[in-house]
């Protein structure tokens, strides 16, 4: 498109500006009409040329005439002078000022055809310039894309399309940039808000957002799977059609680069998963050597490892893998579970972060490098005890809570009720339950039980015999004592 002032500045036309509210208003074409209301036949962006032949007696009609043209999006009115009018009527000038439509006079010697021809030539020149600019931008982007050893080169070239370019992770964290003349256009809060809307829509989502500083375009990068990076481009004003089409090409080039990264990342993940398998099998030396392979930075084996095992939806597991990678924690997906090897000091925080992405996490007991399998096993037990309400459990915490923390509460209560029912009902049964509890509390000392219950030692001996007879088991057996204490602790009554 051509700015109206550029058309007015064509010297051979001799056009005389009477009112130009915005010199940069776009001219899309030139139309000629003598109709009292030509607006139904216009599309917007035109310069409307008229001799005013049908308006010779207009006074109040100029206001509605210009209002209709303004509503249609007409850029300017060109009034021929020296025919119907010697100069512009004041009502027409007032109406153009009121409705923001440019107005100029066409001298008698200037034909409408010459104005149309000049506008067409200007539009063609702009189009050719835009084409050349697009080709140049595409050439620059292609050359930058070939410089694989300089990952920022392509992004810097993209920044030249508008005023800013950056790439971000799915959570909005900056990956590269922002580059360009207006880095402040990268608004982290605005970008994060856009990503929250786009993430669930995968590679088919893109967004254009008007901000206080300009325009942000956000595009996912990649050709398959879930996006791991997004391109954010910023423009001081609105992005033109040329800029948008060039950005689309940049997205394609960056997506191919992202795919190359993905291939390398998948190879690296296979190496890490194999190192993890070797470590769990007790071969920490080979695992450590395998971790030396691949790009920097690499995860390290902690001296006192703690294994985390996490379960959840596939998407959540993928996010968990990325989280472990970002923290340089050895991890991988084994048999559908996410397994990570953390340090004791960071295990709880890491587990909480994994829970935030939708995973349930079990934390194993601390171990040595040669006995990581034990931590892996106890992490599995802890994971089995997690629920949607309690998403993180530590095996150490369960050990301190006792064996009952490992048993289903309703099943334990049923066991306790059934076990104690063997001692009988009513007062006699209650007496034996009371005696059993005291007996266990005092580690089988009948003298202390007698003192505790205020009864004779022989009575204690008699009651213990009754209990053993009812249970069919000796209270001298450690298993019987464990079962009895679990029953007393878990029973509902």
Protein backbone atom coordinates (compact mmCIF):
# COMPACT_ATOMS: atom_id res chain seq x y z
CA UNK A 1 0.00 0.00 0.00
CA UNK A 2 0.99 3.66 -0.54
CA UNK A 3 0.71 6.50 1.98
CA UNK A 4 -1.66 9.27 0.86
CA UNK A 5 1.09 11.88 1.27
CA UNK A 6 3.25 10.01 -1.25
CA UNK A 7 0.49 10.37 -3.84
CA UNK A 8 0.03 14.05 -3.02
CA UNK A 9 3.77 14.59 -3.44
CA UNK A 10 3.77 13.49 -7.13
CA UNK A 11 4.77 16.84 -8.60
CA UNK A 12 3.36 16.39 -12.14
CA UNK A 13 -0.13 15.86 -10.75
CA UNK A 14 -0.22 19.23 -9.01
CA UNK A 15 -2.60 18.05 -6.32
CA UNK A 16 -3.39 20.59 -3.60
CA UNK A 17 -3.88 19.24 -0.08
CA UNK A 18 -6.73 20.88 1.83
CA UNK A 19 -6.93 18.52 4.82
CA UNK A 20 -4.61 15.61 5.62
CA UNK A 21 -5.27 14.31 9.16
CA UNK A 22 -2.69 11.51 8.81
CA UNK A 23 -0.08 11.59 6.02
CA UNK A 24 0.54 7.84 6.49
CA UNK A 25 -3.01 6.74 5.72
CA UNK A 26 -2.89 3.89 3.22
CA UNK A 27 -4.17 4.22 -0.35
CA UNK A 28 -5.20 0.88 -1.83
CA UNK A 29 -6.72 2.09 -5.08
CA UNK A 30 -8.30 5.05 -6.88
CA UNK A 31 -12.03 5.18 -7.68
CA UNK A 32 -14.13 7.72 -9.58
CA UNK A 33 -17.81 8.39 -8.93
CA UNK A 34 -20.39 11.15 -9.31
CA UNK A 35 -23.03 9.27 -7.30
CA UNK A 36 -24.67 10.95 -4.33
CA UNK A 37 -23.79 7.84 -2.33
CA UNK A 38 -20.99 5.73 -3.84
CA UNK A 39 -20.20 3.96 -0.53
CA UNK A 40 -21.96 0.65 -1.43
CA UNK A 41 -19.55 0.24 -4.35
CA UNK A 42 -16.34 0.82 -2.38
CA UNK A 43 -14.19 -1.56 -0.30
CA UNK A 44 -12.18 0.84 1.85
CA UNK A 45 -8.77 2.42 1.43
CA UNK A 46 -9.71 4.19 -1.82
CA UNK A 47 -9.08 7.72 -3.00
CA UNK A 48 -12.43 8.83 -4.37
CA UNK A 49 -12.22 11.28 -7.29
CA UNK A 50 -15.25 13.41 -8.21
CA UNK A 51 -16.11 16.55 -10.19
CA UNK A 52 -19.04 17.23 -7.86
CA UNK A 53 -21.37 17.35 -10.86
CA UNK A 54 -24.40 16.18 -8.85
CA UNK A 55 -23.57 18.29 -5.79
CA UNK A 56 -23.76 21.82 -7.17
CA UNK A 57 -26.57 22.82 -4.83
CA UNK A 58 -25.45 20.84 -1.76
CA UNK A 59 -25.12 22.49 1.62
CA UNK A 60 -26.11 20.15 4.45
CA UNK A 61 -25.74 17.09 2.27
CA UNK A 62 -21.93 17.15 2.50
CA UNK A 63 -21.94 15.96 6.13
CA UNK A 64 -23.86 12.70 5.54
CA UNK A 65 -21.93 12.14 2.28
CA UNK A 66 -18.53 12.26 3.99
CA UNK A 67 -19.80 10.33 7.02
CA UNK A 68 -20.86 7.42 4.78
CA UNK A 69 -17.52 7.42 3.00
CA UNK A 70 -15.62 7.51 6.30
CA UNK A 71 -17.68 4.58 7.59
CA UNK A 72 -16.72 2.67 4.46
CA UNK A 73 -13.03 3.37 5.10
CA UNK A 74 -12.33 5.80 2.26
CA UNK A 75 -8.87 7.36 2.69
CA UNK A 76 -9.29 10.62 0.76
CA UNK A 77 -11.56 12.62 -1.49
CA UNK A 78 -10.11 14.31 -4.57
CA UNK A 79 -12.34 17.15 -5.80
CA UNK A 80 -11.80 18.49 -9.31
CA UNK A 81 -11.79 22.32 -9.33
CA UNK A 82 -12.44 24.62 -12.30
CA UNK A 83 -15.60 22.75 -13.31
CA UNK A 84 -18.51 22.55 -10.83
CA UNK A 85 -16.47 24.33 -8.17
CA UNK A 86 -13.70 26.91 -8.44
CA UNK A 87 -12.52 25.96 -4.97
CA UNK A 88 -13.45 23.47 -2.26
CA UNK A 89 -16.83 24.16 -0.61
CA UNK A 90 -16.45 24.98 3.08
CA UNK A 91 -19.18 22.46 4.12
CA UNK A 92 -17.16 19.69 2.42
CA UNK A 93 -13.96 20.79 4.15
CA UNK A 94 -15.72 20.94 7.53
CA UNK A 95 -17.18 17.46 7.03
CA UNK A 96 -13.74 16.01 6.14
CA UNK A 97 -12.25 17.58 9.24
CA UNK A 98 -15.04 16.17 11.39
CA UNK A 99 -14.83 12.60 10.05
CA UNK A 100 -11.05 12.35 9.53
CA UNK A 101 -11.09 11.94 5.75
CA UNK A 102 -8.24 13.51 3.73
CA UNK A 103 -9.24 16.06 1.11
CA UNK A 104 -7.32 17.47 -1.84
CA UNK A 105 -8.07 19.50 -4.95
CA UNK A 106 -7.43 18.27 -8.47
CA UNK A 107 -6.46 21.13 -10.82
CA UNK A 108 -8.28 21.51 -14.13
CA UNK A 109 -5.26 20.39 -16.12
CA UNK A 110 -4.90 17.05 -14.24
CA UNK A 111 -6.92 14.14 -15.51
CA UNK A 112 -8.38 11.49 -13.26
CA UNK A 113 -6.70 8.87 -15.41
CA UNK A 114 -3.27 10.35 -14.66
CA UNK A 115 -3.99 10.13 -10.93
CA UNK A 116 -5.08 6.50 -11.28
CA UNK A 117 -1.97 5.73 -13.34
CA UNK A 118 0.32 7.40 -10.81
CA UNK A 119 -1.29 5.49 -7.92
CA UNK A 120 -0.98 2.20 -9.81
CA UNK A 121 2.71 2.85 -10.48
CA UNK A 122 3.33 3.69 -6.83
CA UNK A 123 1.49 0.56 -5.68
CA UNK A 124 3.44 -1.57 -8.14
CA UNK A 125 6.73 -0.08 -6.91
CA UNK A 126 5.74 -0.81 -3.30
CA UNK A 127 4.80 -4.39 -4.21
CA UNK A 128 8.06 -4.93 -6.05
CA UNK A 129 9.98 -3.47 -3.13
CA UNK A 130 8.08 -5.73 -0.73
CA UNK A 131 8.85 -8.73 -2.91
CA UNK A 132 12.53 -7.84 -2.97
CA UNK A 133 12.49 -7.28 0.77
CA UNK A 134 10.80 -10.66 1.30
CA UNK A 135 13.36 -12.41 -0.89
CA UNK A 136 16.20 -10.69 0.96
CA UNK A 137 14.75 -11.66 4.34
CA UNK A 138 14.29 -15.23 3.18
CA UNK A 139 17.88 -15.32 1.94
CA UNK A 140 19.13 -14.02 5.29
CA UNK A 141 17.04 -16.54 7.20
CA UNK A 142 18.24 -19.41 5.05
CA UNK A 143 21.89 -18.43 5.46
CA UNK A 144 21.44 -18.08 9.22
CA UNK A 145 19.74 -21.50 9.40
CA UNK A 146 22.82 -23.09 7.82
CA UNK A 147 25.00 -21.87 10.71
CA UNK A 148 24.08 -24.74 13.03
CA UNK A 149 27.09 -24.02 15.23
CA UNK A 150 25.56 -20.61 16.09
CA UNK A 151 22.04 -21.32 17.39
CA UNK A 152 21.36 -17.62 17.99
CA UNK A 153 22.20 -16.60 14.40
CA UNK A 154 18.80 -17.59 12.97
CA UNK A 155 16.94 -15.96 15.84
CA UNK A 156 18.86 -12.70 15.35
CA UNK A 157 17.88 -12.76 11.69
CA UNK A 158 14.25 -13.28 12.70
CA UNK A 159 14.49 -10.25 14.98
CA UNK A 160 15.28 -8.17 11.87
CA UNK A 161 11.82 -8.92 10.45
CA UNK A 162 10.25 -6.83 13.19
CA UNK A 163 11.78 -5.37 16.33
CA UNK A 164 12.32 -8.37 18.66
CA UNK A 165 12.64 -12.15 18.64
CA UNK A 166 13.15 -14.75 21.36
CA UNK A 167 12.50 -18.41 22.04
CA UNK A 168 10.95 -19.67 25.27
CA UNK A 169 10.25 -22.97 27.01
CA UNK A 170 6.61 -24.08 27.44
CA UNK A 171 6.50 -22.44 30.89
CA UNK A 172 7.66 -19.10 29.45
CA UNK A 173 11.27 -19.36 30.62
CA UNK A 174 13.63 -17.62 28.19
CA UNK A 175 15.68 -19.98 26.02
CA UNK A 176 17.39 -17.48 23.68
CA UNK A 177 17.11 -13.71 23.35
CA UNK A 178 15.42 -11.38 23.30
CA UNK A 179 17.29 -10.00 20.29
CA UNK A 180 16.45 -6.96 18.17
CA UNK A 181 16.12 -3.20 18.47
CA UNK A 182 13.24 -3.41 20.96
CA UNK A 183 14.04 -6.22 23.46
CA UNK A 184 11.59 -4.65 25.94
CA UNK A 185 8.76 -5.90 23.71
CA UNK A 186 9.32 -9.32 25.30
CA UNK A 187 6.84 -9.11 28.17
CA UNK A 188 7.36 -12.27 30.33
CA UNK A 189 3.94 -12.01 32.00
CA UNK A 190 2.13 -11.57 28.68
CA UNK A 191 4.09 -14.41 27.07
CA UNK A 192 3.36 -16.76 30.00
CA UNK A 193 -0.35 -15.94 29.78
CA UNK A 194 -0.41 -16.70 26.04
CA UNK A 195 1.43 -20.00 26.58
CA UNK A 196 -1.10 -21.13 29.17
CA UNK A 197 -3.74 -20.89 26.45
CA UNK A 198 -1.62 -22.49 23.72
CA UNK A 199 0.13 -25.41 25.42
CA UNK A 200 -2.81 -27.82 25.35
CA UNK A 201 -3.32 -27.19 21.61
CA UNK A 202 0.05 -28.53 20.49
CA UNK A 203 1.73 -27.57 17.22
CA UNK A 204 -1.42 -26.22 15.57
CA UNK A 205 -1.70 -23.22 17.89
CA UNK A 206 -0.39 -19.70 17.39
CA UNK A 207 -1.40 -16.36 18.84
CA UNK A 208 -1.25 -12.63 18.03
CA UNK A 209 -1.55 -10.25 20.97
CA UNK A 210 -1.78 -6.46 20.99
CA UNK A 211 0.14 -5.02 23.95
CA UNK A 212 0.73 -1.52 25.20
CA UNK A 213 4.07 -1.45 23.35
CA UNK A 214 3.07 -3.14 20.10
CA UNK A 215 2.26 -6.63 18.84
CA UNK A 216 3.51 -10.06 19.96
CA UNK A 217 3.29 -13.16 17.78
CA UNK A 218 3.76 -16.55 19.47
CA UNK A 219 4.31 -19.73 17.41
CA UNK A 220 5.09 -23.31 18.55
CA UNK A 221 8.21 -24.89 17.08
CA UNK A 222 8.56 -28.48 15.90
CA UNK A 223 7.13 -30.87 13.33
CA UNK A 224 5.82 -33.64 15.58
CA UNK A 225 4.94 -34.35 19.16
CA UNK A 226 4.57 -31.71 21.82
CA UNK A 227 6.31 -28.31 21.38
CA UNK A 228 9.44 -27.89 23.49
CA UNK A 229 10.07 -24.30 22.32
CA UNK A 230 8.00 -21.33 21.18
CA UNK A 231 9.05 -18.43 18.96
CA UNK A 232 8.06 -15.00 20.25
CA UNK A 233 8.35 -12.05 17.83
CA UNK A 234 7.60 -8.42 18.62
CA UNK A 235 6.59 -5.48 16.43
CA UNK A 236 6.45 -1.79 17.33
CA UNK A 237 3.01 -1.56 15.66
CA UNK A 238 0.91 -4.08 13.80
CA UNK A 239 2.65 -6.80 11.84
CA UNK A 240 2.20 -6.45 8.08
CA UNK A 241 1.22 -9.27 5.75
CA UNK A 242 4.82 -9.45 4.49
CA UNK A 243 6.17 -9.67 8.03
CA UNK A 244 3.69 -12.38 8.97
CA UNK A 245 4.50 -14.48 5.90
CA UNK A 246 8.23 -14.12 6.56
CA UNK A 247 7.72 -15.12 10.18
CA UNK A 248 5.88 -18.21 8.91
CA UNK A 249 9.00 -19.14 6.94
CA UNK A 250 11.14 -18.52 10.01
CA UNK A 251 8.89 -20.82 12.04
CA UNK A 252 9.46 -23.55 9.45
CA UNK A 253 13.26 -23.14 9.59
CA UNK A 254 13.30 -23.00 13.38
CA UNK A 255 11.02 -26.05 13.55
CA UNK A 256 13.48 -28.01 11.41
CA UNK A 257 16.29 -26.89 13.71
CA UNK A 258 14.15 -27.92 16.69
CA UNK A 259 13.63 -31.33 15.10
CA UNK A 260 17.39 -31.76 14.80
CA UNK A 261 17.67 -30.86 18.48
CA UNK A 262 14.91 -33.34 19.29
CA UNK A 263 16.78 -36.14 17.50
CA UNK A 264 19.91 -35.34 19.51
CA UNK A 265 17.88 -35.07 22.70
CA UNK A 266 16.28 -38.49 22.12
CA UNK A 267 19.70 -40.07 21.56
CA UNK A 268 20.95 -38.43 24.74
CA UNK A 269 17.90 -39.69 26.64
CA UNK A 270 18.57 -43.25 25.53
CA UNK A 271 22.12 -42.95 26.84
CA UNK A 272 20.87 -41.59 30.17
CA UNK A 273 18.26 -44.35 30.46
CA UNK A 274 20.92 -47.00 29.86
CA UNK A 275 23.20 -45.40 32.47
CA UNK A 276 20.26 -45.45 34.88
CA UNK A 277 19.63 -49.16 34.22
CA UNK A 278 23.28 -49.96 34.86
CA UNK A 279 23.28 -47.96 38.08
CA UNK A 280 20.19 -49.77 39.37
CA UNK A 281 21.84 -53.08 38.47
CA UNK A 282 24.79 -52.17 40.71
CA UNK A 283 27.26 -51.21 37.98
CA UNK A 284 27.90 -47.63 39.03
CA UNK A 285 31.33 -47.54 37.36
CA UNK A 286 30.01 -48.25 33.86
CA UNK A 287 27.07 -45.93 34.48
CA UNK A 288 29.47 -43.13 35.36
CA UNK A 289 31.53 -43.77 32.20
CA UNK A 290 28.41 -43.73 30.03
CA UNK A 291 27.41 -40.37 31.47
CA UNK A 292 30.68 -38.96 30.11
CA UNK A 293 29.29 -39.46 26.59
CA UNK A 294 27.20 -36.74 24.98
CA UNK A 295 26.94 -32.96 25.11
CA UNK A 296 27.64 -30.75 28.09
CA UNK A 297 26.31 -30.15 30.66
CA UNK A 298 25.86 -33.70 31.93
CA UNK A 299 24.18 -35.10 35.04
CA UNK A 300 26.46 -36.36 37.80
CA UNK A 301 26.07 -39.32 40.10
CA UNK A 302 25.48 -38.16 43.70
CA UNK A 303 27.53 -39.77 46.45
CA UNK A 304 24.43 -40.54 48.51
CA UNK A 305 21.71 -41.06 45.91
CA UNK A 306 17.99 -41.03 46.58
CA UNK A 307 15.76 -42.56 43.93
CA UNK A 308 12.47 -40.93 42.99
CA UNK A 309 9.80 -42.90 41.11
CA UNK A 310 6.88 -41.05 39.58
CA UNK A 311 3.69 -42.13 37.80
CA UNK A 312 1.03 -40.23 35.90
CA UNK A 313 -0.25 -39.37 32.43
CA UNK A 314 2.15 -39.54 29.49
CA UNK A 315 2.17 -35.77 29.07
CA UNK A 316 2.99 -35.30 32.76
CA UNK A 317 5.80 -37.85 32.53
CA UNK A 318 7.23 -36.00 29.52
CA UNK A 319 7.17 -32.75 31.48
CA UNK A 320 8.84 -34.60 34.36
CA UNK A 321 11.63 -35.80 32.06
CA UNK A 322 12.22 -32.23 30.90
CA UNK A 323 12.27 -31.06 34.50
CA UNK A 324 14.93 -33.62 35.46
CA UNK A 325 16.98 -32.61 32.41
CA UNK A 326 16.76 -28.93 33.31
CA UNK A 327 18.06 -29.75 36.83
CA UNK A 328 20.85 -32.00 35.49
CA UNK A 329 19.37 -34.96 37.37
CA UNK A 330 19.99 -38.44 35.98
CA UNK A 331 16.62 -39.84 35.00
CA UNK A 332 14.59 -41.70 32.43
CA UNK A 333 11.40 -43.59 31.75
CA UNK A 334 11.59 -47.25 32.81
CA UNK A 335 8.56 -49.53 32.40
CA UNK A 336 6.24 -46.56 32.10
CA UNK A 337 7.51 -44.82 35.24
CA UNK A 338 9.72 -41.79 35.54
CA UNK A 339 12.82 -42.63 37.59
CA UNK A 340 15.27 -40.01 38.81
CA UNK A 341 18.41 -40.19 40.96
CA UNK A 342 18.64 -37.14 43.21
CA UNK A 343 20.71 -36.04 46.17
CA UNK A 344 19.23 -36.36 49.62
CA UNK A 345 19.11 -32.60 50.13
CA UNK A 346 17.17 -31.87 46.93
CA UNK A 347 14.93 -34.95 46.72
CA UNK A 348 11.94 -33.45 48.56
CA UNK A 349 11.98 -30.21 46.54
CA UNK A 350 12.36 -32.08 43.27
CA UNK A 351 9.49 -34.41 44.18
CA UNK A 352 7.27 -31.42 44.96
CA UNK A 353 8.06 -29.91 41.56
CA UNK A 354 7.25 -33.20 39.83
CA UNK A 355 3.93 -33.29 41.66
CA UNK A 356 3.21 -29.80 40.32
CA UNK A 357 3.24 -31.14 36.75
CA UNK A 358 0.68 -33.82 37.68
CA UNK A 359 2.75 -36.79 38.86
CA UNK A 360 2.53 -38.94 41.98
CA UNK A 361 6.01 -39.40 43.47
CA UNK A 362 7.58 -41.92 45.81
CA UNK A 363 10.92 -41.03 47.46
CA UNK A 364 13.21 -43.95 48.32
CA UNK A 365 15.59 -44.23 51.25
CA UNK A 366 19.11 -42.77 50.93
CA UNK A 367 21.65 -45.29 49.68
CA UNK A 368 25.21 -45.65 48.47
CA UNK A 369 26.11 -45.83 44.78
CA UNK A 370 26.58 -49.55 45.10
CA UNK A 371 23.13 -50.10 46.65
CA UNK A 372 20.89 -47.78 44.62
CA UNK A 373 18.62 -50.74 43.91
CA UNK A 374 17.46 -50.60 47.55
CA UNK A 375 16.46 -46.94 47.19
CA UNK A 376 14.73 -47.82 43.90
CA UNK A 377 12.75 -50.59 45.63
CA UNK A 378 11.65 -48.46 48.58
CA UNK A 379 10.72 -45.62 46.21
CA UNK A 380 8.32 -48.07 44.53
CA UNK A 381 6.74 -48.94 47.89
CA UNK A 382 6.33 -45.24 48.69
CA UNK A 383 4.81 -44.60 45.26
CA UNK A 384 2.23 -47.34 45.82
CA UNK A 385 1.02 -45.49 48.92
CA UNK A 386 0.48 -42.15 47.13
CA UNK A 387 -2.99 -40.95 46.18
CA UNK A 388 -4.45 -38.06 44.19
CA UNK A 389 -4.75 -36.22 47.50
CA UNK A 390 -1.29 -37.15 48.85
CA UNK A 391 0.89 -36.95 45.74
CA UNK A 392 4.33 -37.24 47.39
CA UNK A 393 5.42 -39.81 49.99
CA UNK A 394 8.84 -40.58 51.40
CA UNK A 395 9.77 -44.11 52.45
CA UNK A 396 11.74 -42.76 55.43
CA UNK A 397 8.63 -40.97 56.65
CA UNK A 398 6.61 -44.18 56.34
CA UNK A 399 9.21 -46.09 58.36
CA UNK A 400 8.98 -43.54 61.17
CA UNK A 401 5.17 -43.76 61.09
CA UNK A 402 5.32 -47.54 61.58
CA UNK A 403 4.02 -50.60 59.79
CA UNK A 404 0.38 -49.49 60.00
CA UNK A 405 1.13 -46.69 57.57
CA UNK A 406 1.73 -49.40 54.95
CA UNK A 407 -1.60 -51.15 55.47
CA UNK A 408 -4.91 -50.11 54.00
CA UNK A 409 -6.83 -48.46 56.87
CA UNK A 410 -10.14 -50.25 56.32
CA UNK A 411 -8.43 -53.62 55.92
CA UNK A 412 -6.37 -53.05 59.08
CA UNK A 413 -9.51 -52.10 61.03
CA UNK A 414 -11.31 -55.25 59.84
CA UNK A 415 -8.33 -57.34 60.92
CA UNK A 416 -8.25 -55.69 64.34
CA UNK A 417 -11.98 -56.19 64.95
CA UNK A 418 -11.83 -59.86 63.91
CA UNK A 419 -8.71 -60.54 65.97
CA UNK A 420 -10.13 -59.05 69.17
CA UNK A 421 -13.51 -60.72 68.65
CA UNK A 422 -11.71 -64.01 69.36
CA UNK A 423 -11.36 -62.87 72.98
CA UNK A 424 -15.10 -62.87 73.45
CA UNK A 425 -17.86 -60.31 73.82
CA UNK A 426 -19.23 -58.26 76.68
CA UNK A 427 -17.47 -57.60 79.98
CA UNK A 428 -15.37 -60.74 79.96
CA UNK A 429 -14.07 -59.98 76.47
CA UNK A 430 -13.30 -56.37 77.42
CA UNK A 431 -11.34 -57.58 80.47
CA UNK A 432 -9.18 -59.85 78.31
CA UNK A 433 -8.57 -57.00 75.78
CA UNK A 434 -7.50 -54.71 78.63
CA UNK A 435 -5.18 -57.39 79.99
CA UNK A 436 -3.70 -58.05 76.52
CA UNK A 437 -2.96 -54.34 76.02
CA UNK A 438 -1.23 -54.08 79.41
CA UNK A 439 0.68 -57.29 78.80
CA UNK A 440 2.10 -55.95 75.52
CA UNK A 441 2.85 -52.51 76.99
CA UNK A 442 4.86 -54.08 79.79
CA UNK A 443 6.67 -56.55 77.51
CA UNK A 444 5.09 -59.61 79.13
CA UNK A 445 5.98 -58.75 82.78
CA UNK A 446 3.08 -60.25 84.74
CA UNK A 447 4.20 -58.41 87.88
CA UNK A 448 3.93 -55.03 86.15
CA UNK A 449 0.59 -56.00 84.56
CA UNK A 450 -0.74 -56.89 88.04
CA UNK A 451 0.39 -53.52 89.39
CA UNK A 452 -1.03 -51.69 86.35
CA UNK A 453 -4.46 -53.33 86.57
CA UNK A 454 -4.58 -53.58 90.37
CA UNK A 455 -5.06 -57.34 90.41
CA UNK A 456 -3.17 -60.34 91.81
CA UNK A 457 -0.31 -61.86 89.84
CA UNK A 458 -2.11 -65.21 89.70
CA UNK A 459 -5.10 -63.49 88.14
CA UNK A 460 -2.83 -62.10 85.43
CA UNK A 461 -1.45 -65.61 84.81
CA UNK A 462 -5.00 -66.96 84.53
CA UNK A 463 -6.11 -64.25 82.09
CA UNK A 464 -3.03 -64.73 79.90
CA UNK A 465 -3.84 -68.43 79.68
CA UNK A 466 -7.43 -67.53 78.67
CA UNK A 467 -6.12 -65.17 75.94
CA UNK A 468 -3.73 -67.78 74.52
CA UNK A 469 -6.48 -70.38 74.58
CA UNK A 470 -8.89 -68.03 72.73
CA UNK A 471 -6.29 -67.08 70.14
CA UNK A 472 -4.85 -70.59 69.80
CA UNK A 473 -1.41 -68.97 69.88
CA UNK A 474 1.26 -68.30 72.48
CA UNK A 475 1.93 -64.72 73.54
CA UNK A 476 5.56 -65.72 73.80
CA UNK A 477 5.64 -65.84 69.98
CA UNK A 478 6.88 -62.46 68.59
CA UNK A 479 4.51 -62.80 65.59
CA UNK A 480 1.55 -63.19 67.94
CA UNK A 481 2.58 -60.06 69.84
CA UNK A 482 2.97 -58.06 66.59
CA UNK A 483 -0.43 -59.19 65.36
CA UNK A 484 -2.02 -58.43 68.72
CA UNK A 485 -0.56 -54.91 68.84
CA UNK A 486 -1.64 -54.14 65.24
CA UNK A 487 -5.13 -55.36 66.12
CA UNK A 488 -5.32 -53.22 69.28
CA UNK A 489 -4.07 -50.16 67.34
CA UNK A 490 -6.24 -50.53 64.24
CA UNK A 491 -9.53 -51.90 65.66
CA UNK A 492 -12.57 -49.63 65.35
CA UNK A 493 -13.85 -50.49 68.83
